[in-house]
Protein backbone atom coordinates (compact mmCIF):
# COMPACT_ATOMS: atom_id res chain seq x y z
CA MET A 1 10.32 46.53 15.59
CA ASN A 2 12.59 45.74 18.66
CA GLN A 3 14.65 42.52 18.51
CA ALA A 4 13.32 39.95 21.24
CA LYS A 5 15.62 39.46 24.22
CA ASN A 6 16.20 36.58 26.46
CA VAL A 7 16.38 36.55 30.21
CA LEU A 8 20.01 37.45 30.12
CA GLY A 9 19.25 40.62 28.21
CA ASN A 10 20.75 39.26 24.95
CA LYS A 11 19.30 38.61 21.63
CA LEU A 12 16.70 35.55 22.01
CA GLU A 13 18.19 32.44 20.35
CA ILE A 14 16.28 29.62 18.84
CA CYS A 15 15.08 26.97 21.15
CA CYS A 16 14.45 24.06 18.78
CA THR A 17 13.66 23.35 15.17
CA SER A 18 13.21 19.48 15.50
CA PRO A 19 10.50 19.35 16.75
CA MET A 20 9.68 22.65 15.60
CA THR A 21 8.47 24.63 18.85
CA GLY A 22 7.34 28.13 19.72
CA TYR A 23 3.76 29.56 19.68
CA TYR A 24 4.37 30.37 16.12
CA ARG A 25 6.28 27.00 15.25
CA ASN A 26 9.22 28.92 14.20
CA GLY A 27 11.77 27.42 16.70
CA SER A 28 11.78 30.54 19.02
CA CYS A 29 10.14 31.14 22.43
CA ASN A 30 9.20 34.56 21.17
CA VAL A 31 5.79 35.81 22.41
CA ASP A 32 3.19 38.61 21.55
CA PRO A 33 -0.19 39.79 23.04
CA THR A 34 -2.07 36.90 21.22
CA ASP A 35 -0.09 34.30 23.04
CA PHE A 36 -2.17 33.97 26.20
CA GLY A 37 -0.18 30.86 27.63
CA VAL A 38 3.12 32.89 27.42
CA HIS A 39 5.08 30.18 25.81
CA SER A 40 8.36 31.78 26.80
CA VAL A 41 10.35 29.13 28.61
CA CYS A 42 12.80 26.86 26.36
CA ALA A 43 12.92 23.73 28.33
CA ARG A 44 14.49 20.30 27.77
CA VAL A 45 11.48 18.10 28.96
CA THR A 46 11.87 15.27 31.08
CA ALA A 47 9.82 12.14 31.61
CA GLU A 48 8.84 13.32 35.09
CA PHE A 49 7.79 16.87 33.82
CA LEU A 50 5.80 15.12 31.01
CA ASN A 51 3.93 12.96 33.34
CA TYR A 52 3.29 15.82 35.69
CA THR A 53 1.78 18.27 33.02
CA LYS A 54 -0.39 15.02 31.75
CA SER A 55 -1.74 14.55 35.39
CA LEU A 56 -2.81 18.21 35.25
CA GLY A 57 -4.62 17.75 31.89
CA ASN A 58 -2.12 19.05 29.39
CA ASP A 59 -0.88 15.89 27.53
CA LEU A 60 2.30 16.91 25.65
CA THR A 61 3.04 13.38 24.56
CA THR A 62 0.28 12.73 22.31
CA PRO A 63 0.72 13.97 18.76
CA ARG A 64 -2.03 16.69 17.77
CA PRO A 65 -1.46 17.39 13.99
CA GLU A 66 -4.43 19.72 13.77
CA TYR A 67 -2.28 22.06 16.03
CA ASN A 68 1.04 21.23 14.08
CA PHE A 69 2.00 19.36 17.41
CA PRO A 70 4.20 16.24 17.13
CA GLY A 71 3.94 15.10 20.58
CA LEU A 72 7.12 15.31 22.83
CA LYS A 73 9.40 12.71 24.39
CA PRO A 74 12.07 13.31 27.04
CA GLY A 75 15.15 15.19 25.85
CA ASP A 76 13.02 17.24 23.38
CA ARG A 77 13.20 21.13 23.73
CA TRP A 78 9.93 22.94 23.73
CA CYS A 79 8.73 26.32 24.48
CA LEU A 80 6.70 25.98 27.71
CA CYS A 81 4.07 28.26 29.42
CA ALA A 82 5.84 30.35 31.88
CA ALA A 83 3.26 29.75 34.55
CA ARG A 84 3.18 25.96 34.10
CA TRP A 85 7.07 25.98 34.34
CA VAL A 86 6.71 27.83 37.57
CA GLU A 87 3.98 25.49 38.78
CA ALA A 88 6.21 22.62 37.97
CA LYS A 89 9.09 24.31 39.76
CA ASP A 90 7.08 24.69 42.72
CA ASP A 91 5.86 21.03 42.87
CA GLY A 92 9.35 19.68 42.20
CA PHE A 93 9.03 18.70 38.74
CA ALA A 94 10.46 21.59 36.68
CA PRO A 95 12.50 20.51 33.64
CA PRO A 96 15.97 22.21 32.92
CA ILE A 97 15.92 25.31 30.71
CA VAL A 98 18.25 27.08 28.05
CA LEU A 99 18.53 30.70 29.37
CA GLU A 100 19.78 32.06 25.98
CA SER A 101 16.53 30.81 24.42
CA THR A 102 14.09 31.77 27.27
CA HIS A 103 12.28 35.18 26.55
CA GLU A 104 12.73 37.98 28.96
CA ILE A 105 9.00 37.95 29.67
CA THR A 106 9.64 34.92 31.86
CA LEU A 107 11.21 37.31 34.42
CA GLN A 108 7.55 38.56 35.14
CA TYR A 109 6.94 34.97 36.53
CA VAL A 110 10.06 33.84 38.22
CA SER A 111 13.45 35.62 39.24
CA LEU A 112 16.75 35.12 37.00
CA GLU A 113 18.35 33.54 40.06
CA GLU A 114 15.72 30.85 40.17
CA LEU A 115 15.91 30.24 36.45
CA LYS A 116 19.70 29.84 36.71
CA GLN A 117 19.20 26.99 39.26
CA TYR A 118 17.66 25.06 36.31
CA ALA A 119 20.00 26.33 33.65
CA ILE A 120 21.76 23.95 31.13
CA ALA A 121 24.32 25.14 28.65
CA LYS A 122 23.08 25.33 25.08
CA SER A 123 26.19 23.46 24.01
CA GLU A 124 25.53 20.67 26.49
CA ASP A 125 21.81 20.24 25.31
CA GLU A 126 21.71 17.28 22.92
CA GLY A 127 17.95 17.29 22.67
CA ALA A 128 17.96 20.26 20.21
CA ASN A 129 18.46 20.40 16.58
CA SER A 130 18.63 24.20 16.08
């Protein structure tokens, strides 16, 4: 099996383990064909983004234990759906992202140049406990 790569072409790094994120809840924004939402973007969510996505019907702040979802608060890192991140970018609400932890499939939705405009250094990101 090939090792997952990030948007920079390197090994996909862990996004966050507290809260445990990823389609498989293993801390990684890795994807496979069963992940119809393409949860590939490692983002540090902001209050503005959380309010934005809630206004579109996707409440990420309310815990949903049946889905092993703790509910998010500003500053948490989370694997977001690529299409929703692009939509938020286009509407002016995109949260910052960690390129090293964002899966390369994201490049099918947005260019690396655009992603770099929202990049935060992994070392600067205090929202992760990975």
